Amino acid sequence: MNGKQELQNMTAILIDHNMEGQAILLWDVLSKTELPDLLQMKMVMFADVGLAENSNDREVWRFAQANNMILLTDNRSDNEKDSLEQTIREENLLDSLPVLTIGSLKRIKERCYREKCAERIAEIVFELNNYKGSGRIFIP
């Protein structure tokens, strides 16, 4: 199986560029549980997929949907025409993948909070069909 086929068979989680460090901490928690292998999930950064760091929310959401990726973000703004919230309101469909939003990015440094976030991510990936079309899910 080549790399592209492998990625297609996995649930990819696209990490918002402004929370890459925090996402690495979350991934470390998940990796210790072997859930990424069991659930066939993979974390990817903007640079991994050729997405510009200055991409607007609408571009990021569309990219994630077009490439069957779950977007993991902190609370992006909702007061612009191309904001994440506005994009979800206008473009979300019943089969759209959810956007996972960390409720408090600052708290990721707390081990207990990080573990709760990681558990919630794993739960959503495991039951992904139940979360399609839900728009945005705040975690933990």
N, C-alpha and C. Protein backbone atom coordinates (compact mmCIF):
# COMPACT_ATOMS: atom_id res chain seq x y z
N MET A 1 0.86 -1.17 0.00
CA MET A 1 0.00 0.00 0.00
C MET A 1 0.91 1.23 0.00
N ASN A 2 0.64 2.15 -0.91
CA ASN A 2 1.46 3.36 -0.93
C ASN A 2 0.95 4.37 0.09
N GLY A 3 1.74 5.44 0.32
CA GLY A 3 1.41 6.44 1.33
C GLY A 3 0.07 7.09 1.13
N LYS A 4 -0.29 7.37 -0.14
CA LYS A 4 -1.57 8.03 -0.42
C LYS A 4 -2.74 7.10 -0.08
N GLN A 5 -2.62 5.82 -0.44
CA GLN A 5 -3.68 4.86 -0.11
C GLN A 5 -3.81 4.70 1.40
N GLU A 6 -2.67 4.69 2.09
CA GLU A 6 -2.69 4.54 3.54
C GLU A 6 -3.43 5.71 4.19
N LEU A 7 -3.16 6.94 3.73
CA LEU A 7 -3.83 8.11 4.28
C LEU A 7 -5.33 8.05 4.00
N GLN A 8 -5.72 7.55 2.83
CA GLN A 8 -7.14 7.46 2.49
C GLN A 8 -7.86 6.47 3.41
N ASN A 9 -7.17 5.47 3.90
CA ASN A 9 -7.78 4.47 4.77
C ASN A 9 -7.77 4.89 6.24
N MET A 10 -7.15 6.00 6.53
CA MET A 10 -7.05 6.48 7.90
C MET A 10 -7.94 7.68 8.10
N THR A 11 -8.31 7.92 9.35
CA THR A 11 -9.00 9.15 9.70
C THR A 11 -7.91 10.18 9.99
N ALA A 12 -7.84 11.17 9.13
CA ALA A 12 -6.83 12.22 9.29
C ALA A 12 -7.42 13.37 10.08
N ILE A 13 -6.65 13.86 11.04
CA ILE A 13 -7.04 15.01 11.83
C ILE A 13 -6.12 16.15 11.43
N LEU A 14 -6.70 17.16 10.80
CA LEU A 14 -5.95 18.33 10.34
C LEU A 14 -5.83 19.30 11.50
N ILE A 15 -4.62 19.61 11.88
CA ILE A 15 -4.35 20.47 13.03
C ILE A 15 -4.22 21.92 12.56
N ASP A 16 -5.02 22.78 13.15
CA ASP A 16 -4.94 24.21 12.85
C ASP A 16 -3.52 24.69 13.13
N HIS A 17 -2.99 25.52 12.25
CA HIS A 17 -1.59 25.91 12.34
C HIS A 17 -1.23 26.62 13.64
N ASN A 18 -2.17 27.27 14.29
CA ASN A 18 -1.83 28.03 15.50
C ASN A 18 -1.87 27.17 16.77
N MET A 19 -2.10 25.87 16.63
CA MET A 19 -2.11 25.03 17.82
C MET A 19 -1.29 23.75 17.63
N GLU A 20 -0.30 23.82 16.78
CA GLU A 20 0.50 22.63 16.49
C GLU A 20 1.20 22.09 17.73
N GLY A 21 1.77 22.97 18.55
CA GLY A 21 2.46 22.52 19.77
C GLY A 21 1.52 21.81 20.72
N GLN A 22 0.33 22.38 20.91
CA GLN A 22 -0.65 21.76 21.79
C GLN A 22 -1.14 20.43 21.22
N ALA A 23 -1.27 20.36 19.91
CA ALA A 23 -1.72 19.12 19.27
C ALA A 23 -0.70 18.01 19.45
N ILE A 24 0.57 18.36 19.44
CA ILE A 24 1.61 17.36 19.67
C ILE A 24 1.47 16.78 21.08
N LEU A 25 1.14 17.62 22.05
CA LEU A 25 0.91 17.13 23.41
C LEU A 25 -0.28 16.18 23.45
N LEU A 26 -1.36 16.54 22.75
CA LEU A 26 -2.54 15.67 22.68
C LEU A 26 -2.19 14.34 22.01
N TRP A 27 -1.45 14.42 20.92
CA TRP A 27 -1.09 13.22 20.18
C TRP A 27 -0.23 12.29 21.03
N ASP A 28 0.63 12.88 21.87
CA ASP A 28 1.46 12.08 22.76
C ASP A 28 0.58 11.26 23.71
N VAL A 29 -0.46 11.87 24.24
CA VAL A 29 -1.40 11.16 25.12
C VAL A 29 -2.07 10.03 24.35
N LEU A 30 -2.56 10.33 23.15
CA LEU A 30 -3.23 9.31 22.34
C LEU A 30 -2.29 8.17 21.98
N SER A 31 -1.07 8.49 21.62
CA SER A 31 -0.11 7.48 21.19
C SER A 31 0.21 6.48 22.30
N LYS A 32 0.21 6.93 23.52
CA LYS A 32 0.50 6.04 24.65
C LYS A 32 -0.60 5.02 24.86
N THR A 33 -1.79 5.27 24.34
CA THR A 33 -2.91 4.35 24.49
C THR A 33 -3.05 3.40 23.32
N GLU A 34 -2.28 3.59 22.28
CA GLU A 34 -2.34 2.80 21.05
C GLU A 34 -3.64 3.01 20.28
N LEU A 35 -4.43 4.01 20.67
CA LEU A 35 -5.67 4.30 19.96
C LEU A 35 -5.46 4.74 18.52
N PRO A 36 -4.42 5.51 18.21
CA PRO A 36 -4.23 5.89 16.80
C PRO A 36 -4.14 4.68 15.88
N ASP A 37 -3.44 3.62 16.31
CA ASP A 37 -3.34 2.41 15.49
C ASP A 37 -4.67 1.67 15.42
N LEU A 38 -5.31 1.53 16.56
CA LEU A 38 -6.59 0.83 16.63
C LEU A 38 -7.66 1.52 15.78
N LEU A 39 -7.72 2.84 15.90
CA LEU A 39 -8.75 3.62 15.17
C LEU A 39 -8.28 4.07 13.79
N GLN A 40 -7.06 3.73 13.45
CA GLN A 40 -6.47 4.14 12.18
C GLN A 40 -6.60 5.65 11.99
N MET A 41 -6.04 6.39 12.93
CA MET A 41 -6.09 7.84 12.82
C MET A 41 -4.69 8.41 12.77
N LYS A 42 -4.60 9.55 12.12
CA LYS A 42 -3.33 10.19 11.87
C LYS A 42 -3.50 11.69 12.04
N MET A 43 -2.50 12.35 12.60
CA MET A 43 -2.50 13.80 12.75
C MET A 43 -1.67 14.39 11.62
N VAL A 44 -2.21 15.43 10.96
CA VAL A 44 -1.46 16.11 9.90
C VAL A 44 -1.49 17.62 10.14
N MET A 45 -0.40 18.25 9.80
CA MET A 45 -0.27 19.70 9.94
C MET A 45 -0.49 20.36 8.57
N PHE A 46 -0.72 21.65 8.58
CA PHE A 46 -0.91 22.39 7.33
C PHE A 46 0.24 22.12 6.37
N ALA A 47 1.47 22.18 6.87
CA ALA A 47 2.65 21.99 6.01
C ALA A 47 2.66 20.60 5.38
N ASP A 48 2.15 19.60 6.10
CA ASP A 48 2.12 18.23 5.58
C ASP A 48 1.25 18.10 4.34
N VAL A 49 0.23 18.94 4.25
CA VAL A 49 -0.74 18.81 3.15
C VAL A 49 -0.68 19.99 2.17
N GLY A 50 0.31 20.86 2.35
CA GLY A 50 0.49 21.98 1.43
C GLY A 50 -0.49 23.12 1.62
N LEU A 51 -1.06 23.24 2.80
CA LEU A 51 -2.01 24.30 3.10
C LEU A 51 -1.26 25.49 3.69
N ALA A 52 -1.48 26.67 3.14
CA ALA A 52 -0.79 27.87 3.62
C ALA A 52 -1.26 28.24 5.02
N GLU A 53 -0.34 28.69 5.86
CA GLU A 53 -0.69 29.10 7.22
C GLU A 53 -1.68 30.26 7.24
N ASN A 54 -1.66 31.08 6.21
CA ASN A 54 -2.56 32.24 6.18
C ASN A 54 -3.88 31.94 5.47
N SER A 55 -4.20 30.68 5.26
CA SER A 55 -5.48 30.30 4.66
C SER A 55 -6.61 30.78 5.55
N ASN A 56 -7.67 31.29 4.95
CA ASN A 56 -8.79 31.72 5.79
C ASN A 56 -9.62 30.51 6.23
N ASP A 57 -10.50 30.73 7.17
CA ASP A 57 -11.28 29.64 7.75
C ASP A 57 -12.07 28.86 6.72
N ARG A 58 -12.67 29.57 5.78
CA ARG A 58 -13.47 28.90 4.75
C ARG A 58 -12.61 27.97 3.91
N GLU A 59 -11.42 28.44 3.52
CA GLU A 59 -10.50 27.61 2.74
C GLU A 59 -10.08 26.37 3.53
N VAL A 60 -9.79 26.56 4.80
CA VAL A 60 -9.37 25.43 5.65
C VAL A 60 -10.50 24.42 5.79
N TRP A 61 -11.72 24.91 6.08
CA TRP A 61 -12.86 24.00 6.24
C TRP A 61 -13.11 23.23 4.94
N ARG A 62 -13.11 23.94 3.82
CA ARG A 62 -13.35 23.27 2.53
C ARG A 62 -12.26 22.24 2.23
N PHE A 63 -11.02 22.60 2.52
CA PHE A 63 -9.92 21.66 2.30
C PHE A 63 -10.12 20.40 3.14
N ALA A 64 -10.43 20.58 4.40
CA ALA A 64 -10.63 19.44 5.30
C ALA A 64 -11.77 18.56 4.78
N GLN A 65 -12.87 19.15 4.39
CA GLN A 65 -14.01 18.37 3.90
C GLN A 65 -13.66 17.65 2.61
N ALA A 66 -13.01 18.35 1.69
CA ALA A 66 -12.67 17.76 0.39
C ALA A 66 -11.69 16.60 0.53
N ASN A 67 -10.89 16.62 1.59
CA ASN A 67 -9.88 15.59 1.79
C ASN A 67 -10.23 14.64 2.93
N ASN A 68 -11.50 14.65 3.34
CA ASN A 68 -12.01 13.74 4.36
C ASN A 68 -11.21 13.81 5.65
N MET A 69 -10.99 15.04 6.13
CA MET A 69 -10.22 15.27 7.35
C MET A 69 -11.09 15.94 8.40
N ILE A 70 -10.83 15.59 9.64
CA ILE A 70 -11.46 16.27 10.77
C ILE A 70 -10.56 17.44 11.12
N LEU A 71 -11.10 18.63 11.21
CA LEU A 71 -10.32 19.80 11.58
C LEU A 71 -10.32 19.93 13.10
N LEU A 72 -9.12 20.05 13.68
CA LEU A 72 -8.97 20.30 15.10
C LEU A 72 -8.43 21.71 15.26
N THR A 73 -9.16 22.53 15.99
CA THR A 73 -8.83 23.93 16.09
C THR A 73 -9.10 24.45 17.49
N ASP A 74 -8.67 25.67 17.72
CA ASP A 74 -9.13 26.36 18.91
C ASP A 74 -10.28 27.24 18.44
N ASN A 75 -10.73 28.15 19.21
CA ASN A 75 -11.93 28.90 18.85
C ASN A 75 -11.61 30.02 17.87
N ARG A 76 -11.74 29.73 16.58
CA ARG A 76 -11.53 30.73 15.55
C ARG A 76 -12.63 31.78 15.61
N SER A 77 -12.38 32.93 15.05
CA SER A 77 -13.37 34.02 15.10
C SER A 77 -14.63 33.68 14.33
N ASP A 78 -15.70 34.38 14.66
CA ASP A 78 -16.96 34.13 13.95
C ASP A 78 -17.60 35.41 13.45
N ASN A 79 -16.80 36.45 13.32
CA ASN A 79 -17.37 37.75 12.96
C ASN A 79 -17.00 38.20 11.55
N GLU A 80 -16.55 37.29 10.72
CA GLU A 80 -16.18 37.65 9.36
C GLU A 80 -16.95 36.78 8.37
N LYS A 81 -17.01 37.25 7.16
CA LYS A 81 -17.73 36.54 6.09
C LYS A 81 -17.18 35.14 5.85
N ASP A 82 -15.87 34.95 5.98
CA ASP A 82 -15.26 33.65 5.77
C ASP A 82 -14.83 32.98 7.07
N SER A 83 -15.45 33.39 8.19
CA SER A 83 -15.12 32.78 9.48
C SER A 83 -15.55 31.32 9.50
N LEU A 84 -14.97 30.57 10.40
CA LEU A 84 -15.32 29.16 10.52
C LEU A 84 -16.80 28.98 10.86
N GLU A 85 -17.28 29.74 11.81
CA GLU A 85 -18.68 29.62 12.20
C GLU A 85 -19.62 29.94 11.03
N GLN A 86 -19.33 31.00 10.30
CA GLN A 86 -20.15 31.38 9.15
C GLN A 86 -20.08 30.31 8.06
N THR A 87 -18.90 29.77 7.84
CA THR A 87 -18.73 28.71 6.85
C THR A 87 -19.56 27.49 7.21
N ILE A 88 -19.51 27.09 8.47
CA ILE A 88 -20.28 25.93 8.91
C ILE A 88 -21.77 26.20 8.71
N ARG A 89 -22.23 27.38 9.10
CA ARG A 89 -23.65 27.71 8.92
C ARG A 89 -24.08 27.61 7.46
N GLU A 90 -23.23 28.05 6.56
CA GLU A 90 -23.59 28.11 5.14
C GLU A 90 -23.33 26.82 4.38
N GLU A 91 -22.32 26.05 4.77
CA GLU A 91 -21.88 24.94 3.91
C GLU A 91 -21.98 23.55 4.53
N ASN A 92 -22.24 23.47 5.82
CA ASN A 92 -22.30 22.16 6.47
C ASN A 92 -23.45 21.33 5.92
N LEU A 93 -23.16 20.07 5.62
CA LEU A 93 -24.17 19.13 5.12
C LEU A 93 -24.30 17.96 6.09
N LEU A 94 -25.27 17.12 5.88
CA LEU A 94 -25.49 15.98 6.77
C LEU A 94 -24.30 15.03 6.83
N ASP A 95 -23.51 14.98 5.76
CA ASP A 95 -22.36 14.07 5.75
C ASP A 95 -21.03 14.79 5.97
N SER A 96 -21.08 16.07 6.33
CA SER A 96 -19.84 16.82 6.59
C SER A 96 -19.19 16.32 7.88
N LEU A 97 -17.87 16.27 7.85
CA LEU A 97 -17.14 15.89 9.05
C LEU A 97 -17.17 17.03 10.05
N PRO A 98 -17.17 16.70 11.32
CA PRO A 98 -17.23 17.75 12.34
C PRO A 98 -15.91 18.50 12.47
N VAL A 99 -16.01 19.70 13.00
CA VAL A 99 -14.84 20.47 13.42
C VAL A 99 -14.74 20.30 14.92
N LEU A 100 -13.59 19.88 15.40
CA LEU A 100 -13.37 19.72 16.83
C LEU A 100 -12.67 20.96 17.34
N THR A 101 -13.27 21.60 18.32
CA THR A 101 -12.73 22.84 18.86
C THR A 101 -12.37 22.64 20.32
N ILE A 102 -11.10 22.88 20.64
CA ILE A 102 -10.64 22.78 22.02
C ILE A 102 -11.26 23.92 22.80
N GLY A 103 -11.95 23.60 23.87
CA GLY A 103 -12.63 24.61 24.67
C GLY A 103 -11.68 25.62 25.30
N SER A 104 -10.54 25.16 25.78
CA SER A 104 -9.57 26.05 26.41
C SER A 104 -8.17 25.61 26.02
N LEU A 105 -7.65 26.22 24.99
CA LEU A 105 -6.33 25.84 24.48
C LEU A 105 -5.24 26.02 25.54
N LYS A 106 -5.39 27.03 26.39
CA LYS A 106 -4.40 27.27 27.44
C LYS A 106 -4.30 26.10 28.41
N ARG A 107 -5.40 25.39 28.59
CA ARG A 107 -5.43 24.30 29.56
C ARG A 107 -4.82 23.00 29.05
N ILE A 108 -4.45 22.94 27.78
CA ILE A 108 -3.85 21.73 27.23
C ILE A 108 -2.58 21.35 28.00
N LYS A 109 -1.93 22.32 28.59
CA LYS A 109 -0.71 22.02 29.37
C LYS A 109 -1.03 21.23 30.64
N GLU A 110 -2.30 21.24 31.07
CA GLU A 110 -2.72 20.47 32.24
C GLU A 110 -2.96 19.02 31.83
N ARG A 111 -2.27 18.10 32.44
CA ARG A 111 -2.34 16.69 32.05
C ARG A 111 -3.77 16.15 32.05
N CYS A 112 -4.53 16.42 33.09
CA CYS A 112 -5.89 15.90 33.19
C CYS A 112 -6.77 16.43 32.06
N TYR A 113 -6.68 17.71 31.78
CA TYR A 113 -7.48 18.32 30.70
C TYR A 113 -7.06 17.73 29.35
N ARG A 114 -5.76 17.60 29.15
CA ARG A 114 -5.23 17.04 27.90
C ARG A 114 -5.74 15.62 27.71
N GLU A 115 -5.77 14.83 28.78
CA GLU A 115 -6.25 13.45 28.69
C GLU A 115 -7.74 13.42 28.34
N LYS A 116 -8.53 14.33 28.94
CA LYS A 116 -9.95 14.39 28.61
C LYS A 116 -10.17 14.75 27.15
N CYS A 117 -9.39 15.70 26.66
CA CYS A 117 -9.50 16.09 25.25
C CYS A 117 -9.13 14.92 24.34
N ALA A 118 -8.06 14.23 24.66
CA ALA A 118 -7.62 13.08 23.85
C ALA A 118 -8.67 11.98 23.85
N GLU A 119 -9.25 11.69 25.01
CA GLU A 119 -10.31 10.68 25.10
C GLU A 119 -11.51 11.07 24.24
N ARG A 120 -11.87 12.34 24.27
CA ARG A 120 -13.03 12.81 23.50
C ARG A 120 -12.76 12.71 22.00
N ILE A 121 -11.55 13.06 21.59
CA ILE A 121 -11.18 12.94 20.18
C ILE A 121 -11.30 11.48 19.74
N ALA A 122 -10.76 10.57 20.54
CA ALA A 122 -10.83 9.14 20.21
C ALA A 122 -12.27 8.66 20.14
N GLU A 123 -13.10 9.10 21.07
CA GLU A 123 -14.51 8.72 21.08
C GLU A 123 -15.21 9.19 19.79
N ILE A 124 -14.93 10.41 19.39
CA ILE A 124 -15.56 10.96 18.18
C ILE A 124 -15.10 10.21 16.94
N VAL A 125 -13.80 9.92 16.86
CA VAL A 125 -13.29 9.16 15.71
C VAL A 125 -13.91 7.77 15.68
N PHE A 126 -14.03 7.13 16.84
CA PHE A 126 -14.61 5.79 16.92
C PHE A 126 -16.06 5.77 16.45
N GLU A 127 -16.80 6.79 16.79
CA GLU A 127 -18.22 6.89 16.44
C GLU A 127 -18.47 7.96 15.36
N LEU A 128 -17.53 8.14 14.46
CA LEU A 128 -17.55 9.26 13.53
C LEU A 128 -18.86 9.41 12.75
N ASN A 129 -19.44 8.31 12.33
CA ASN A 129 -20.69 8.41 11.56
C ASN A 129 -21.80 9.09 12.36
N ASN A 130 -21.76 8.96 13.68
CA ASN A 130 -22.77 9.60 14.53
C ASN A 130 -22.57 11.11 14.65
N TYR A 131 -21.39 11.59 14.28
CA TYR A 131 -21.07 13.01 14.43
C TYR A 131 -21.08 13.78 13.12
N LYS A 132 -21.24 13.06 12.01
CA LYS A 132 -21.28 13.76 10.72
C LYS A 132 -22.47 14.71 10.69
N GLY A 133 -22.23 15.88 10.12
CA GLY A 133 -23.29 16.88 10.01
C GLY A 133 -23.48 17.71 11.25
N SER A 134 -22.74 17.43 12.31
CA SER A 134 -22.95 18.15 13.57
C SER A 134 -22.29 19.53 13.59
N GLY A 135 -21.51 19.84 12.59
CA GLY A 135 -20.86 21.16 12.54
C GLY A 135 -19.65 21.21 13.42
N ARG A 136 -19.79 21.88 14.55
CA ARG A 136 -18.66 22.07 15.47
C ARG A 136 -18.96 21.36 16.79
N ILE A 137 -17.93 20.70 17.31
CA ILE A 137 -18.04 20.03 18.59
C ILE A 137 -16.95 20.60 19.50
N PHE A 138 -17.35 21.15 20.62
CA PHE A 138 -16.38 21.65 21.58
C PHE A 138 -15.93 20.50 22.46
N ILE A 139 -14.63 20.38 22.66
CA ILE A 139 -14.10 19.32 23.51
C ILE A 139 -13.29 19.93 24.62
N PRO A 140 -13.13 19.33 25.79
CA PRO A 140 -13.53 17.96 26.04
C PRO A 140 -14.98 17.91 26.18
